[in-house]
Amino acid sequence: MLGKHGTTNQKRRTIGFSSRIDEQCLEILHEEAERQEISVNALVNRILQQYCDHYRWAERFGSIVLASTTTARIIACCPEDKLEEIAEISGSAGTKDALRTIGMPPTYDNLMFFTKNSLGKFANWFKFNRYTRNRKDIIHLRHELGKKWSIFIAKQASTMIECILNKKTTAEIFDNYATIEITL
């Protein structure tokens, strides 16, 4: 969750509060909590956390939601050089705008948080994994949308890191994943 000054909070405490909720919404929450085998309180807390971390910004970003199959069809029609051009614009100016919108300074940790959560977890662009090896930070982005999507996300991620943090990257692209190595 973003703290008061746009950074991620490491320690959190919970507090109780009372609220009124529409009866039909509560019924849906009970059904979903039961399906997930968690309490309604845990589900509501997760939903509120997701709102605080991402969804409250989605409208400001102009986000739209498309099914992954629709996205794959659109990507398939676009030439690779155009995908790279779009990703480069989005990775530089678009990411700077997004970070400023949510009040996050352009630090390495904030950019990784944004990539993992906003693009990975909430926008569902990819599954994000990160590790360090041989003085390089490596981010591995897995998805099911084909090689052109790998080209797009590799260019987007590389551009974000190079433009915002001034770090050198190399990318490896395959059909269903892209791996970005960042020289530390």
C-alpha atoms as a PDB file:
ATOM      1  CA  MET A   1       0.000   0.000   0.000  1.00  0.00           C
ATOM      2  CA  LEU A   2       1.205   3.500  -0.715  1.00  0.00           C
ATOM      3  CA  GLY A   3       1.985   5.538   2.343  1.00  0.00           C
ATOM      4  CA  LYS A   4       1.198   9.185   2.912  1.00  0.00           C
ATOM      5  CA  HIS A   5       4.183  10.252   0.806  1.00  0.00           C
ATOM      6  CA  GLY A   6       3.850   7.744  -2.031  1.00  0.00           C
ATOM      7  CA  THR A   7       6.082   5.012  -0.633  1.00  0.00           C
ATOM      8  CA  THR A   8       5.169   1.482   0.288  1.00  0.00           C
ATOM      9  CA  ASN A   9       4.404   0.873   3.940  1.00  0.00           C
ATOM     10  CA  GLN A  10       6.370  -1.940   5.533  1.00  0.00           C
ATOM     11  CA  LYS A  11       4.468  -2.083   8.854  1.00  0.00           C
ATOM     12  CA  ARG A  12       0.718  -1.957   8.947  1.00  0.00           C
ATOM     13  CA  ARG A  13      -1.723  -2.068  11.776  1.00  0.00           C
ATOM     14  CA  THR A  14      -5.408  -2.769  11.600  1.00  0.00           C
ATOM     15  CA  ILE A  15      -8.203  -0.804  13.205  1.00  0.00           C
ATOM     16  CA  GLY A  16     -11.887  -1.512  13.566  1.00  0.00           C
ATOM     17  CA  PHE A  17     -14.611   0.648  12.094  1.00  0.00           C
ATOM     18  CA  SER A  18     -18.319   0.366  11.415  1.00  0.00           C
ATOM     19  CA  SER A  19     -19.960   0.786   8.053  1.00  0.00           C
ATOM     20  CA  ARG A  20     -23.276   0.165   6.348  1.00  0.00           C
ATOM     21  CA  ILE A  21     -23.432  -1.921   3.189  1.00  0.00           C
ATOM     22  CA  ASP A  22     -26.071  -2.789   0.627  1.00  0.00           C
ATOM     23  CA  GLU A  23     -27.681  -6.138   1.513  1.00  0.00           C
ATOM     24  CA  GLN A  24     -27.135  -7.612  -1.970  1.00  0.00           C
ATOM     25  CA  CYS A  25     -23.453  -6.640  -1.912  1.00  0.00           C
ATOM     26  CA  LEU A  26     -23.045  -8.302   1.487  1.00  0.00           C
ATOM     27  CA  GLU A  27     -24.660 -11.471   0.154  1.00  0.00           C
ATOM     28  CA  ILE A  28     -22.201 -11.492  -2.773  1.00  0.00           C
ATOM     29  CA  LEU A  29     -19.290 -10.944  -0.375  1.00  0.00           C
ATOM     30  CA  HIS A  30     -20.424 -13.904   1.761  1.00  0.00           C
ATOM     31  CA  GLU A  31     -20.672 -16.139  -1.335  1.00  0.00           C
ATOM     32  CA  GLU A  32     -17.249 -15.083  -2.607  1.00  0.00           C
ATOM     33  CA  ALA A  33     -15.603 -15.443   0.808  1.00  0.00           C
ATOM     34  CA  GLU A  34     -17.029 -18.942   1.098  1.00  0.00           C
ATOM     35  CA  ARG A  35     -15.789 -19.814  -2.419  1.00  0.00           C
ATOM     36  CA  GLN A  36     -12.300 -18.582  -1.515  1.00  0.00           C
ATOM     37  CA  GLU A  37     -12.458 -20.222   1.931  1.00  0.00           C
ATOM     38  CA  ILE A  38     -11.682 -16.976   3.750  1.00  0.00           C
ATOM     39  CA  SER A  39     -13.653 -14.736   6.083  1.00  0.00           C
ATOM     40  CA  VAL A  40     -15.767 -11.870   4.793  1.00  0.00           C
ATOM     41  CA  ASN A  41     -13.514  -9.552   6.813  1.00  0.00           C
ATOM     42  CA  ALA A  42     -10.404 -10.887   5.018  1.00  0.00           C
ATOM     43  CA  LEU A  43     -12.111 -10.510   1.636  1.00  0.00           C
ATOM     44  CA  VAL A  44     -13.253  -6.943   2.351  1.00  0.00           C
ATOM     45  CA  ASN A  45      -9.761  -6.053   3.596  1.00  0.00           C
ATOM     46  CA  ARG A  46      -8.230  -7.497   0.382  1.00  0.00           C
ATOM     47  CA  ILE A  47     -10.704  -5.543  -1.776  1.00  0.00           C
ATOM     48  CA  LEU A  48      -9.972  -2.306   0.098  1.00  0.00           C
ATOM     49  CA  GLN A  49      -6.223  -2.935  -0.183  1.00  0.00           C
ATOM     50  CA  GLN A  50      -6.537  -3.441  -3.940  1.00  0.00           C
ATOM     51  CA  TYR A  51      -8.528  -0.239  -4.196  1.00  0.00           C
ATOM     52  CA  CYS A  52      -5.874   1.700  -2.261  1.00  0.00           C
ATOM     53  CA  ASP A  53      -2.962   0.164  -4.189  1.00  0.00           C
ATOM     54  CA  HIS A  54      -4.377   0.369  -7.686  1.00  0.00           C
ATOM     55  CA  TYR A  55      -8.022   0.777  -8.561  1.00  0.00           C
ATOM     56  CA  ARG A  56      -8.406   4.308  -7.199  1.00  0.00           C
ATOM     57  CA  TRP A  57      -5.850   5.381  -9.809  1.00  0.00           C
ATOM     58  CA  ALA A  58      -7.260   3.356 -12.735  1.00  0.00           C
ATOM     59  CA  GLU A  59      -9.729   6.032 -13.816  1.00  0.00           C
ATOM     60  CA  ARG A  60      -7.056   8.737 -13.672  1.00  0.00           C
ATOM     61  CA  PHE A  61      -4.784   6.565 -15.840  1.00  0.00           C
ATOM     62  CA  GLY A  62      -7.582   6.126 -18.361  1.00  0.00           C
ATOM     63  CA  SER A  63      -7.371   2.358 -17.910  1.00  0.00           C
ATOM     64  CA  ILE A  64      -9.591   0.084 -19.919  1.00  0.00           C
ATOM     65  CA  VAL A  65     -10.107  -3.615 -19.389  1.00  0.00           C
ATOM     66  CA  LEU A  66     -10.020  -6.071 -22.277  1.00  0.00           C
ATOM     67  CA  ALA A  67     -10.152  -9.850 -22.214  1.00  0.00           C
ATOM     68  CA  SER A  68      -6.710 -11.378 -22.766  1.00  0.00           C
ATOM     69  CA  THR A  69      -7.951 -13.038 -25.975  1.00  0.00           C
ATOM     70  CA  THR A  70      -9.027  -9.636 -27.348  1.00  0.00           C
ATOM     71  CA  THR A  71      -5.692  -8.110 -26.365  1.00  0.00           C
ATOM     72  CA  ALA A  72      -3.851 -10.982 -28.095  1.00  0.00           C
ATOM     73  CA  ARG A  73      -5.848 -10.413 -31.305  1.00  0.00           C
ATOM     74  CA  ILE A  74      -5.106  -6.678 -31.285  1.00  0.00           C
ATOM     75  CA  ILE A  75      -1.402  -7.279 -30.638  1.00  0.00           C
ATOM     76  CA  ALA A  76      -1.274  -9.857 -33.458  1.00  0.00           C
ATOM     77  CA  CYS A  77      -2.372  -7.172 -35.972  1.00  0.00           C
ATOM     78  CA  CYS A  78       0.340  -4.719 -34.967  1.00  0.00           C
ATOM     79  CA  PRO A  79       3.797  -4.829 -36.598  1.00  0.00           C
ATOM     80  CA  GLU A  80       6.655  -5.474 -34.166  1.00  0.00           C
ATOM     81  CA  ASP A  81       8.342  -2.119 -34.820  1.00  0.00           C
ATOM     82  CA  LYS A  82       5.082  -0.290 -34.004  1.00  0.00           C
ATOM     83  CA  LEU A  83       4.704  -2.303 -30.781  1.00  0.00           C
ATOM     84  CA  GLU A  84       8.205  -1.281 -29.740  1.00  0.00           C
ATOM     85  CA  GLU A  85       7.476   2.365 -30.568  1.00  0.00           C
ATOM     86  CA  ILE A  86       4.261   2.342 -28.499  1.00  0.00           C
ATOM     87  CA  ALA A  87       6.008   0.537 -25.614  1.00  0.00           C
ATOM     88  CA  GLU A  88       8.844   3.066 -25.640  1.00  0.00           C
ATOM     89  CA  ILE A  89       6.437   6.007 -25.342  1.00  0.00           C
ATOM     90  CA  SER A  90       4.416   4.232 -22.668  1.00  0.00           C
ATOM     91  CA  GLY A  91       7.530   3.159 -20.769  1.00  0.00           C
ATOM     92  CA  SER A  92       8.996   6.656 -20.581  1.00  0.00           C
ATOM     93  CA  ALA A  93       6.365   9.414 -20.556  1.00  0.00           C
ATOM     94  CA  GLY A  94       3.490   7.104 -19.578  1.00  0.00           C
ATOM     95  CA  THR A  95       5.261   5.612 -16.591  1.00  0.00           C
ATOM     96  CA  LYS A  96       6.534   8.994 -15.392  1.00  0.00           C
ATOM     97  CA  ASP A  97       2.962  10.285 -15.562  1.00  0.00           C
ATOM     98  CA  ALA A  98       1.636   7.227 -13.700  1.00  0.00           C
ATOM     99  CA  LEU A  99       4.216   7.529 -10.911  1.00  0.00           C
ATOM    100  CA  ARG A 100       3.501  11.244 -10.536  1.00  0.00           C
ATOM    101  CA  THR A 101      -0.247  10.607 -10.522  1.00  0.00           C
ATOM    102  CA  ILE A 102       0.030   8.211  -7.600  1.00  0.00           C
ATOM    103  CA  GLY A 103       2.619  10.324  -5.785  1.00  0.00           C
ATOM    104  CA  MET A 104       5.530   7.899  -6.017  1.00  0.00           C
ATOM    105  CA  PRO A 105       9.039   9.326  -6.448  1.00  0.00           C
ATOM    106  CA  PRO A 106      10.887   7.648  -9.351  1.00  0.00           C
ATOM    107  CA  THR A 107      13.090   5.355  -7.242  1.00  0.00           C
ATOM    108  CA  TYR A 108      14.211   1.844  -8.100  1.00  0.00           C
ATOM    109  CA  ASP A 109      12.022   0.247  -5.411  1.00  0.00           C
ATOM    110  CA  ASN A 110       8.968   2.275  -6.433  1.00  0.00           C
ATOM    111  CA  LEU A 111       9.434   1.359 -10.090  1.00  0.00           C
ATOM    112  CA  MET A 112       9.682  -2.346  -9.172  1.00  0.00           C
ATOM    113  CA  PHE A 113       6.571  -1.976  -6.967  1.00  0.00           C
ATOM    114  CA  PHE A 114       4.711  -0.300  -9.841  1.00  0.00           C
ATOM    115  CA  THR A 115       5.802  -2.960 -12.344  1.00  0.00           C
ATOM    116  CA  LYS A 116       4.951  -5.880 -10.070  1.00  0.00           C
ATOM    117  CA  ASN A 117       1.643  -4.543  -8.761  1.00  0.00           C
ATOM    118  CA  SER A 118       0.150  -2.056 -11.216  1.00  0.00           C
ATOM    119  CA  LEU A 119       1.245  -3.735 -14.443  1.00  0.00           C
ATOM    120  CA  GLY A 120       1.574  -7.321 -13.233  1.00  0.00           C
ATOM    121  CA  LYS A 121      -0.916  -8.035 -10.499  1.00  0.00           C
ATOM    122  CA  PHE A 122      -3.703  -5.537 -11.237  1.00  0.00           C
ATOM    123  CA  ALA A 123      -3.469  -4.931 -15.003  1.00  0.00           C
ATOM    124  CA  ASN A 124      -2.681  -8.653 -15.453  1.00  0.00           C
ATOM    125  CA  TRP A 125      -0.023  -8.012 -18.082  1.00  0.00           C
ATOM    126  CA  PHE A 126       2.261 -10.737 -16.712  1.00  0.00           C
ATOM    127  CA  LYS A 127       3.356 -12.740 -13.679  1.00  0.00           C
ATOM    128  CA  PHE A 128       6.302 -10.914 -12.124  1.00  0.00           C
ATOM    129  CA  ASN A 129       9.363 -12.630 -10.638  1.00  0.00           C
ATOM    130  CA  ARG A 130      12.515 -10.860  -9.505  1.00  0.00           C
ATOM    131  CA  TYR A 131      15.902 -12.065  -8.315  1.00  0.00           C
ATOM    132  CA  THR A 132      19.549 -10.983  -8.246  1.00  0.00           C
ATOM    133  CA  ARG A 133      22.458 -12.880  -9.794  1.00  0.00           C
ATOM    134  CA  ASN A 134      26.003 -11.842 -10.711  1.00  0.00           C
ATOM    135  CA  ARG A 135      25.497  -8.157  -9.835  1.00  0.00           C
ATOM    136  CA  LYS A 136      22.382  -7.990 -11.992  1.00  0.00           C
ATOM    137  CA  ASP A 137      18.764  -7.604 -10.962  1.00  0.00           C
ATOM    138  CA  ILE A 138      16.629  -9.861 -13.131  1.00  0.00           C
ATOM    139  CA  ILE A 139      12.914  -9.489 -13.701  1.00  0.00           C
ATOM    140  CA  HIS A 140      11.109 -12.342 -15.385  1.00  0.00           C
ATOM    141  CA  LEU A 141       7.703 -11.529 -16.891  1.00  0.00           C
ATOM    142  CA  ARG A 142       5.558 -14.568 -17.786  1.00  0.00           C
ATOM    143  CA  HIS A 143       2.299 -14.416 -19.760  1.00  0.00           C
ATOM    144  CA  GLU A 144       0.180 -16.355 -22.261  1.00  0.00           C
ATOM    145  CA  LEU A 145      -0.198 -13.775 -25.046  1.00  0.00           C
ATOM    146  CA  GLY A 146       2.537 -14.763 -27.492  1.00  0.00           C
ATOM    147  CA  LYS A 147       5.838 -13.415 -28.723  1.00  0.00           C
ATOM    148  CA  LYS A 148       4.563  -9.976 -29.784  1.00  0.00           C
ATOM    149  CA  TRP A 149       3.346  -9.358 -26.228  1.00  0.00           C
ATOM    150  CA  SER A 150       6.804 -10.386 -24.998  1.00  0.00           C
ATOM    151  CA  ILE A 151       8.306  -7.804 -27.355  1.00  0.00           C
ATOM    152  CA  PHE A 152       5.948  -5.120 -26.025  1.00  0.00           C
ATOM    153  CA  ILE A 153       6.473  -5.792 -22.314  1.00  0.00           C
ATOM    154  CA  ALA A 154      10.245  -6.191 -22.714  1.00  0.00           C
ATOM    155  CA  LYS A 155      10.486  -2.816 -24.455  1.00  0.00           C
ATOM    156  CA  GLN A 156       8.120  -1.199 -21.921  1.00  0.00           C
ATOM    157  CA  ALA A 157      10.075  -2.507 -18.916  1.00  0.00           C
ATOM    158  CA  SER A 158      13.498  -1.746 -20.415  1.00  0.00           C
ATOM    159  CA  THR A 159      12.447   1.790 -21.335  1.00  0.00           C
ATOM    160  CA  MET A 160      11.027   2.431 -17.857  1.00  0.00           C
ATOM    161  CA  ILE A 161      14.269   1.370 -16.215  1.00  0.00           C
ATOM    162  CA  GLU A 162      16.588   3.108 -18.681  1.00  0.00           C
ATOM    163  CA  CYS A 163      14.676   6.420 -18.944  1.00  0.00           C
ATOM    164  CA  ILE A 164      13.554   6.829 -15.358  1.00  0.00           C
ATOM    165  CA  LEU A 165      16.487   5.284 -13.495  1.00  0.00           C
ATOM    166  CA  ASN A 166      19.274   5.649 -16.055  1.00  0.00           C
ATOM    167  CA  LYS A 167      20.215   1.963 -15.669  1.00  0.00           C
ATOM    168  CA  LYS A 168      21.431  -0.274 -18.501  1.00  0.00           C
ATOM    169  CA  THR A 169      19.261  -3.262 -19.409  1.00  0.00           C
ATOM    170  CA  THR A 170      19.306  -6.255 -21.709  1.00  0.00           C
ATOM    171  CA  ALA A 171      16.209  -8.193 -22.698  1.00  0.00           C
ATOM    172  CA  GLU A 172      15.618 -11.790 -23.678  1.00  0.00           C
ATOM    173  CA  ILE A 173      12.344 -12.442 -25.491  1.00  0.00           C
ATOM    174  CA  PHE A 174      10.487 -15.724 -25.948  1.00  0.00           C
ATOM    175  CA  ASP A 175       6.933 -16.700 -26.909  1.00  0.00           C
ATOM    176  CA  ASN A 176       5.438 -16.458 -23.421  1.00  0.00           C
ATOM    177  CA  TYR A 177       7.939 -14.520 -21.368  1.00  0.00           C
ATOM    178  CA  ALA A 178      10.491 -11.754 -21.360  1.00  0.00           C
ATOM    179  CA  THR A 179      13.468 -11.523 -19.039  1.00  0.00           C
ATOM    180  CA  ILE A 180      15.076  -8.153 -18.318  1.00  0.00           C
ATOM    181  CA  GLU A 181      18.566  -7.951 -16.799  1.00  0.00           C
ATOM    182  CA  ILE A 182      19.411  -4.707 -15.037  1.00  0.00           C
ATOM    183  CA  THR A 183      23.029  -3.847 -14.391  1.00  0.00           C
ATOM    184  CA  LEU A 184      23.336  -2.703 -10.778  1.00  0.00           C
END
